[in-house]
N, C-alpha and C. Protein backbone atom coordinates (compact mmCIF):
# COMPACT_ATOMS: atom_id res chain seq x y z
N MET A 1 162.56 31.27 165.76
CA MET A 1 163.60 30.21 165.72
C MET A 1 163.09 29.16 166.65
N THR A 2 162.88 28.97 167.85
CA THR A 2 163.17 28.26 168.84
C THR A 2 161.83 27.25 168.82
N HIS A 3 161.35 27.06 167.83
CA HIS A 3 159.86 26.77 167.86
C HIS A 3 159.92 25.78 166.42
N ILE A 4 161.20 25.41 165.12
CA ILE A 4 161.40 25.49 164.12
C ILE A 4 161.41 23.70 164.24
N ASN A 5 161.71 22.93 165.91
CA ASN A 5 161.29 21.59 165.72
C ASN A 5 159.84 20.86 165.44
N HIS A 6 158.96 21.99 165.55
CA HIS A 6 157.18 22.16 165.84
C HIS A 6 156.72 22.29 165.15
N ILE A 7 157.16 22.63 163.47
CA ILE A 7 156.30 22.94 162.22
C ILE A 7 155.72 21.38 161.96
N ASN A 8 156.49 20.34 161.71
CA ASN A 8 156.15 19.31 161.62
C ASN A 8 154.88 18.75 162.30
N GLU A 9 154.93 18.86 163.46
CA GLU A 9 153.78 18.36 164.46
C GLU A 9 152.37 18.51 164.45
N SER A 10 151.20 17.57 164.43
CA SER A 10 150.09 17.56 163.86
C SER A 10 149.36 18.76 165.01
N THR A 11 148.73 19.84 164.19
CA THR A 11 148.39 20.51 164.89
C THR A 11 146.93 20.02 166.24
N GLN A 12 145.79 18.85 165.06
CA GLN A 12 145.08 18.08 165.77
C GLN A 12 146.02 17.07 166.70
N SER A 13 145.44 17.09 167.46
CA SER A 13 146.33 15.96 168.89
C SER A 13 144.81 15.15 168.98
N PHE A 14 145.39 13.62 168.72
CA PHE A 14 144.04 12.29 169.25
C PHE A 14 144.55 12.25 170.24
N PRO A 15 144.02 11.28 170.95
CA PRO A 15 144.39 10.32 172.11
C PRO A 15 145.28 8.97 172.13
N PRO A 16 145.94 8.64 173.08
CA PRO A 16 146.52 7.87 172.45
C PRO A 16 145.70 6.80 172.02
N GLY A 17 146.52 5.98 171.10
CA GLY A 17 145.43 4.19 171.12
C GLY A 17 144.10 5.01 169.66
N ALA A 18 144.26 6.17 169.76
CA ALA A 18 142.70 6.78 168.74
C ALA A 18 142.79 6.81 167.59
N LYS A 19 142.44 6.00 166.69
CA LYS A 19 143.81 6.17 165.08
C LYS A 19 142.22 7.41 164.32
N ALA A 20 142.58 7.68 163.49
CA ALA A 20 142.21 8.82 162.61
C ALA A 20 140.74 8.46 162.12
N GLU A 21 140.05 8.59 162.35
CA GLU A 21 138.68 8.49 161.27
C GLU A 21 139.36 8.31 159.56
N LYS A 22 138.71 7.35 159.50
CA LYS A 22 138.92 7.14 157.55
C LYS A 22 137.16 6.98 157.02
N ASN A 23 137.47 8.18 155.93
CA ASN A 23 136.56 8.43 155.45
C ASN A 23 136.59 7.03 154.19
N HIS A 24 135.26 7.71 153.04
CA HIS A 24 135.15 6.43 152.20
C HIS A 24 135.62 6.20 150.99
N LYS A 25 135.83 7.89 150.47
CA LYS A 25 136.80 8.01 149.55
C LYS A 25 138.75 7.69 149.72
N THR A 26 138.68 7.63 150.95
CA THR A 26 140.80 6.63 151.39
C THR A 26 140.33 5.70 151.08
N ASP A 27 139.30 4.52 151.39
CA ASP A 27 139.46 3.10 151.59
C ASP A 27 139.39 2.87 149.91
N ALA A 28 138.26 3.31 149.50
CA ALA A 28 137.96 2.80 148.35
C ALA A 28 139.89 2.99 147.09
N PHE A 29 140.72 4.49 147.57
CA PHE A 29 141.64 4.84 147.16
C PHE A 29 142.89 3.32 147.05
N GLU A 30 142.76 3.03 148.91
CA GLU A 30 143.06 2.05 149.56
C GLU A 30 143.08 1.00 148.75
N SER A 31 141.74 0.56 149.09
CA SER A 31 141.45 -0.65 148.15
C SER A 31 141.68 -1.10 146.12
N ALA A 32 141.59 0.29 145.93
CA ALA A 32 142.09 0.16 144.19
C ALA A 32 144.27 -0.06 144.20
N LEU A 33 144.50 0.61 145.55
CA LEU A 33 145.82 0.35 145.38
C LEU A 33 145.83 -1.34 145.95
N ILE A 34 145.65 -1.27 146.74
CA ILE A 34 146.11 -3.19 147.08
C ILE A 34 145.92 -4.35 146.58
N LYS A 35 144.31 -3.66 145.54
CA LYS A 35 144.13 -4.55 144.21
C LYS A 35 145.45 -4.55 143.25
N ALA A 36 146.12 -3.06 142.50
CA ALA A 36 146.86 -2.91 141.26
C ALA A 36 148.39 -3.56 142.19
N LEU A 37 148.58 -3.58 143.32
CA LEU A 37 150.04 -3.47 143.53
C LEU A 37 149.73 -5.65 143.16
N ASP A 38 148.70 -5.75 143.77
CA ASP A 38 148.35 -7.82 143.37
C ASP A 38 147.80 -8.23 142.54
N GLY A 39 148.07 -7.21 141.43
CA GLY A 39 148.31 -7.68 139.88
C GLY A 39 146.76 -8.24 138.85
N LYS A 40 145.48 -7.70 139.66
CA LYS A 40 144.14 -7.63 139.75
C LYS A 40 143.80 -6.71 138.73
N GLU A 41 142.83 -7.10 137.50
CA GLU A 41 142.84 -6.29 136.37
C GLU A 41 141.99 -5.47 137.37
N ALA A 42 141.74 -4.15 135.99
CA ALA A 42 141.57 -3.03 136.43
C ALA A 42 139.54 -3.06 136.70
N SER A 43 139.14 -4.00 135.66
CA SER A 43 138.06 -4.56 136.40
C SER A 43 136.67 -5.00 137.63
N GLU A 44 138.40 -5.35 137.93
CA GLU A 44 137.75 -6.20 138.76
C GLU A 44 137.51 -5.23 140.21
N MET A 45 138.26 -3.91 139.91
CA MET A 45 138.26 -2.79 140.62
C MET A 45 137.07 -1.90 141.05
N GLU A 46 136.25 -1.11 141.87
CA GLU A 46 135.82 -0.91 142.06
C GLU A 46 135.55 0.62 141.52
N SER A 47 134.23 0.63 141.10
CA SER A 47 133.97 1.50 140.20
C SER A 47 133.92 3.05 140.66
N SER A 48 133.85 4.10 140.78
CA SER A 48 133.84 5.16 141.65
C SER A 48 133.47 6.66 140.70
N SER A 49 132.92 7.45 141.21
CA SER A 49 132.49 8.42 140.42
C SER A 49 133.24 9.10 140.62
N THR A 50 133.37 9.75 139.40
CA THR A 50 134.48 11.16 138.61
C THR A 50 134.22 12.04 138.34
N ILE A 51 134.16 13.71 138.31
CA ILE A 51 133.94 14.56 137.87
C ILE A 51 135.16 15.32 137.22
N PRO A 52 134.71 14.81 135.57
CA PRO A 52 135.43 14.69 134.97
C PRO A 52 135.90 16.72 135.33
N LEU A 53 137.47 17.02 135.09
CA LEU A 53 137.47 18.46 134.85
C LEU A 53 137.36 18.99 133.50
N LYS A 54 136.66 20.29 133.25
CA LYS A 54 136.10 20.81 132.11
C LYS A 54 137.49 21.46 131.29
N GLU A 55 137.58 21.66 130.06
CA GLU A 55 138.67 22.59 129.63
C GLU A 55 138.33 23.98 130.05
N ILE A 56 139.63 24.44 130.06
CA ILE A 56 140.27 25.69 130.27
C ILE A 56 140.85 26.41 129.20
N THR A 57 139.57 27.32 128.68
CA THR A 57 140.29 28.10 127.70
C THR A 57 141.04 29.77 128.28
N ALA A 58 141.92 30.08 127.18
CA ALA A 58 142.94 30.82 127.82
C ALA A 58 142.97 32.17 126.78
N ALA A 59 142.94 33.01 126.85
CA ALA A 59 142.86 34.28 125.99
C ALA A 59 143.64 33.89 124.45
N GLY A 60 143.52 33.90 124.07
CA GLY A 60 144.70 34.31 122.86
C GLY A 60 145.54 35.45 122.86
N PRO A 61 146.66 35.17 122.16
CA PRO A 61 147.31 36.13 122.42
C PRO A 61 147.06 37.35 121.54
N THR A 62 147.17 38.78 121.36
CA THR A 62 146.69 39.66 120.73
C THR A 62 147.97 40.51 119.80
N PHE A 63 147.42 39.81 118.70
CA PHE A 63 148.50 40.05 117.64
C PHE A 63 148.53 41.86 117.42
N LYS A 64 149.62 42.89 116.92
CA LYS A 64 149.17 44.07 116.54
C LYS A 64 149.81 43.93 114.81
N SER A 65 149.12 44.65 114.38
CA SER A 65 149.39 44.89 112.85
C SER A 65 150.66 45.30 112.47
N HIS A 66 151.23 45.36 111.67
CA HIS A 66 152.77 45.56 111.63
C HIS A 66 152.64 47.51 111.33
N SER A 67 151.02 48.05 110.58
CA SER A 67 151.58 49.46 110.77
C SER A 67 150.58 50.12 112.66
N GLU A 68 150.10 48.58 113.02
CA GLU A 68 150.72 49.45 114.56
C GLU A 68 151.55 49.73 115.00
N ILE A 69 152.23 48.64 114.39
CA ILE A 69 153.90 48.63 115.14
C ILE A 69 154.31 49.70 114.74
N VAL A 70 154.19 49.89 113.53
CA VAL A 70 155.72 51.23 112.78
C VAL A 70 154.48 52.56 113.32
N SER A 71 153.37 52.39 114.19
CA SER A 71 152.61 53.71 114.15
C SER A 71 153.28 54.03 115.74
N GLY A 72 153.29 52.75 116.80
CA GLY A 72 153.82 52.80 118.24
C GLY A 72 155.60 53.13 118.11
N LYS A 73 155.86 52.60 116.94
CA LYS A 73 158.05 53.47 116.78
C LYS A 73 157.74 54.62 116.97
N THR A 74 156.79 55.29 115.55
CA THR A 74 157.16 56.18 115.45
C THR A 74 157.21 57.76 116.17
N ASP A 75 155.40 56.91 117.26
CA ASP A 75 155.06 58.36 118.47
C ASP A 75 156.35 58.00 119.40
N ARG A 76 156.99 57.23 119.58
CA ARG A 76 157.55 56.55 120.73
C ARG A 76 159.22 57.66 119.91
N LEU A 77 159.55 57.60 118.88
CA LEU A 77 160.52 58.71 118.38
C LEU A 77 160.34 60.17 118.36
N LEU A 78 159.08 60.49 118.08
CA LEU A 78 159.16 61.61 118.17
C LEU A 78 158.68 62.20 119.26
N ASP A 79 158.49 61.58 120.52
CA ASP A 79 158.24 61.63 122.02
C ASP A 79 159.98 61.95 122.35
N MET A 80 160.51 61.14 122.01
CA MET A 80 162.07 61.14 122.15
C MET A 80 162.81 62.37 121.38
N LEU A 81 162.21 62.41 119.89
CA LEU A 81 163.46 64.18 119.68
C LEU A 81 162.49 65.09 120.26
N ASP A 82 161.40 65.21 120.52
CA ASP A 82 160.68 66.60 121.38
C ASP A 82 161.78 66.11 122.41
N ALA A 83 162.04 65.54 123.30
CA ALA A 83 162.71 65.58 124.64
C ALA A 83 163.78 66.08 124.14
N TYR A 84 164.65 65.22 123.18
CA TYR A 84 166.06 66.04 122.62
C TYR A 84 165.38 66.88 122.66
N SER A 85 164.97 67.93 121.91
CA SER A 85 165.03 69.49 121.63
C SER A 85 164.98 70.03 122.48
N SER A 86 164.14 69.76 123.85
CA SER A 86 164.17 70.49 125.23
C SER A 86 165.61 70.20 126.09
N LYS A 87 165.91 69.46 125.70
CA LYS A 87 167.66 69.50 126.39
C LYS A 87 168.63 70.64 125.33
N LEU A 88 168.18 70.12 125.09
CA LEU A 88 169.18 70.57 123.44
C LEU A 88 168.57 72.82 124.34
N GLU A 89 167.69 72.77 124.22
CA GLU A 89 167.36 74.49 124.79
C GLU A 89 167.65 75.07 126.47
N ASP A 90 167.92 73.70 127.28
CA ASP A 90 168.01 73.58 128.00
C ASP A 90 169.90 74.24 129.14
N PRO A 91 169.61 75.34 128.88
CA PRO A 91 171.49 75.79 128.92
C PRO A 91 172.08 75.09 130.35
N ALA A 92 171.67 74.13 131.51
CA ALA A 92 171.96 73.87 132.43
C ALA A 92 172.08 72.09 131.82
N ILE A 93 171.57 72.44 130.98
CA ILE A 93 172.17 71.04 130.47
C ILE A 93 173.45 70.64 129.43
N SER A 94 174.51 69.68 129.94
CA SER A 94 176.00 69.79 129.12
C SER A 94 175.22 69.05 128.02
N LEU A 95 176.06 68.87 126.48
CA LEU A 95 176.01 68.21 125.43
C LEU A 95 176.72 67.08 125.80
N LYS A 96 177.49 66.64 126.92
CA LYS A 96 177.95 65.47 126.53
C LYS A 96 176.76 64.57 127.80
N ASN A 97 176.25 64.99 128.50
CA ASN A 97 174.61 64.38 128.94
C ASN A 97 173.85 64.37 127.91
N ILE A 98 173.48 64.92 126.96
CA ILE A 98 172.96 64.55 125.69
C ILE A 98 173.14 63.54 125.00
N ALA A 99 174.14 63.06 124.67
CA ALA A 99 175.08 62.24 123.88
C ALA A 99 174.57 60.83 124.07
N PRO A 100 173.45 59.93 124.99
CA PRO A 100 173.15 59.06 124.93
C PRO A 100 171.92 59.23 124.96
N VAL A 101 171.43 60.32 124.84
CA VAL A 101 169.57 59.89 124.75
C VAL A 101 170.13 59.93 123.00
N LEU A 102 171.05 60.92 122.08
CA LEU A 102 171.16 60.86 120.80
C LEU A 102 171.50 59.76 119.74
N ASP A 103 171.59 58.88 121.19
CA ASP A 103 172.18 57.34 121.05
C ASP A 103 171.41 56.83 120.32
N GLN A 104 170.43 56.58 121.79
CA GLN A 104 168.83 55.83 121.31
C GLN A 104 167.76 56.99 120.40
N ILE A 105 168.02 57.68 120.34
CA ILE A 105 167.31 58.07 119.60
C ILE A 105 167.80 57.64 117.77
N HIS A 106 168.94 57.98 117.64
CA HIS A 106 169.59 57.07 116.17
C HIS A 106 169.34 55.57 116.02
N ALA A 107 169.57 54.85 116.90
CA ALA A 107 169.17 53.16 117.15
C ALA A 107 167.39 53.20 117.02
N ASN A 108 166.82 53.52 117.86
CA ASN A 108 165.26 53.74 116.95
C ASN A 108 165.28 54.13 116.34
N ALA A 109 165.93 54.83 115.56
CA ALA A 109 165.70 55.71 114.34
C ALA A 109 165.85 54.62 113.45
N GLY A 110 166.96 53.44 112.84
CA GLY A 110 167.36 52.58 112.49
C GLY A 110 166.10 51.78 112.33
N SER A 111 165.39 51.40 113.98
CA SER A 111 164.39 50.23 113.69
C SER A 111 163.49 50.50 113.31
N LEU A 112 163.13 51.73 113.19
CA LEU A 112 161.80 52.55 112.99
C LEU A 112 162.17 52.27 111.33
N LYS A 113 163.14 52.69 110.30
CA LYS A 113 163.31 52.81 108.99
C LYS A 113 163.21 51.65 108.53
N GLN A 114 163.95 49.90 109.26
CA GLN A 114 163.75 48.78 108.65
C GLN A 114 161.87 48.60 109.47
N GLU A 115 161.45 48.44 110.00
CA GLU A 115 160.02 48.07 109.82
C GLU A 115 159.43 49.07 108.94
N ALA A 116 159.57 49.77 108.91
CA ALA A 116 158.99 51.64 107.69
C ALA A 116 159.04 50.41 106.43
N GLN A 117 159.87 49.94 106.03
CA GLN A 117 160.23 49.68 104.76
C GLN A 117 159.61 48.39 104.14
N SER A 118 158.78 47.64 105.00
CA SER A 118 158.31 46.44 104.45
C SER A 118 156.24 46.51 104.93
N LEU A 119 156.40 48.39 105.10
CA LEU A 119 155.11 48.59 105.40
C LEU A 119 154.23 47.91 103.49
N SER A 120 152.77 47.84 103.80
CA SER A 120 152.00 47.98 102.25
C SER A 120 152.02 49.59 101.64
N ASP A 121 151.58 48.80 100.02
CA ASP A 121 151.06 50.39 99.42
C ASP A 121 149.55 50.77 100.36
N SER A 122 148.99 50.74 100.89
CA SER A 122 147.76 50.34 101.64
C SER A 122 148.40 51.35 102.54
N ASP A 123 149.39 51.23 102.99
CA ASP A 123 150.08 52.20 104.04
C ASP A 123 151.15 53.05 104.36
N SER A 124 150.52 53.98 103.18
CA SER A 124 152.16 54.40 102.35
C SER A 124 152.02 56.33 103.16
N ALA A 125 150.60 56.44 103.95
CA ALA A 125 151.13 57.83 103.66
C ALA A 125 151.43 57.32 105.35
N LEU A 126 151.02 56.81 106.19
CA LEU A 126 151.84 56.08 107.75
C LEU A 126 153.71 55.77 107.61
N LYS A 127 153.66 55.23 106.07
CA LYS A 127 155.52 54.85 105.59
C LYS A 127 155.98 56.76 105.72
N GLN A 128 155.35 57.53 104.65
CA GLN A 128 156.14 58.41 104.61
C GLN A 128 155.68 59.37 106.07
N ILE A 129 154.66 59.83 106.50
CA ILE A 129 155.53 59.90 108.01
C ILE A 129 156.34 59.25 108.67
N ALA A 130 156.06 58.27 108.72
CA ALA A 130 157.67 57.27 109.87
C ALA A 130 158.98 57.87 108.69
N ASP A 131 159.20 57.97 107.61
CA ASP A 131 160.47 58.00 107.30
C ASP A 131 161.05 59.31 107.42
N GLN A 132 160.18 60.35 107.11
CA GLN A 132 159.66 61.83 107.69
C GLN A 132 160.51 61.78 109.38
N THR A 133 159.73 61.00 110.20
CA THR A 133 160.56 61.09 111.09
C THR A 133 161.40 60.74 111.19
N VAL A 134 162.16 59.15 110.53
CA VAL A 134 163.87 58.28 110.54
C VAL A 134 164.62 60.13 110.01
N ALA A 135 164.55 60.21 109.14
CA ALA A 135 165.47 61.37 108.75
C ALA A 135 165.49 62.45 109.45
N THR A 136 164.69 63.00 110.43
CA THR A 136 164.75 63.85 111.08
C THR A 136 165.66 63.45 112.02
N ALA A 137 166.00 62.50 112.59
CA ALA A 137 166.57 61.87 114.13
C ALA A 137 167.39 62.04 113.17
N GLN A 138 167.67 61.04 111.86
CA GLN A 138 169.33 61.42 111.84
C GLN A 138 169.50 62.05 110.99
N ALA A 139 168.92 62.53 110.13
CA ALA A 139 169.36 64.40 110.81
C ALA A 139 169.80 65.45 112.21
N GLU A 140 169.52 64.70 113.37
CA GLU A 140 169.59 65.45 114.48
C GLU A 140 171.14 65.68 114.79
N TYR A 141 171.17 63.78 113.85
CA TYR A 141 172.46 62.63 115.07
C TYR A 141 173.68 63.13 114.06
N LEU A 142 173.56 63.05 112.56
CA LEU A 142 174.77 64.02 112.06
C LEU A 142 175.05 65.46 112.79
N LYS A 143 174.22 66.55 112.70
CA LYS A 143 174.71 67.91 112.69
C LYS A 143 174.93 67.39 114.48
N PHE A 144 175.06 66.56 115.68
CA PHE A 144 174.90 66.78 116.63
C PHE A 144 176.19 66.02 116.78
N GLN A 145 176.72 65.42 115.73
CA GLN A 145 177.77 63.94 115.75
C GLN A 145 178.67 65.81 114.81
N ARG A 146 178.60 66.35 113.99
CA ARG A 146 178.95 66.82 112.83
C ARG A 146 179.46 68.03 114.71
N GLY A 147 179.14 68.13 115.27
CA GLY A 147 179.53 69.87 116.31
C GLY A 147 179.03 70.88 115.59
N ASP A 148 177.41 70.95 115.16
CA ASP A 148 176.83 71.68 114.94
C ASP A 148 176.72 72.25 116.44
N TYR A 149 176.36 71.92 117.12
CA TYR A 149 175.60 72.14 118.60
C TYR A 149 176.46 72.93 119.57
N SER A 150 177.84 72.46 119.25
CA SER A 150 179.00 72.85 120.32
C SER A 150 179.61 74.18 119.81
N SER A 151 179.22 75.13 120.98
CA SER A 151 179.85 76.46 121.18
C SER A 151 181.13 77.07 121.34
């Protein structure tokens, strides 16, 4: 903190009365600026050689097909159901702790159901798997809400 005032000082020191060495490009810009401020035409200004920038190509976004989206959501829902069944079997985990997991399963099942409805006929096998997964998730949600697992 004691050296904060020295931030703006130049690291290169010049002897008193000496001027920094100007290069040709600085002089060309300075003369172009003076001519522009004086109102002279651009054609009267010195022409300078500039290197044009090349086009920067960006990688385009990758789009997933609708079937890839449904497949991914089905996999995630199946993984969630697997974790849910493991928690149900663990006597150390209370049903109160399982309830938020089941709420997420229910929400993901609803989202998957909407996505699966818009699959085309060519993806009928995937649609059937997704529908069965959604039905299983909804059945588990209803069983839990009904109290089938409380003893």
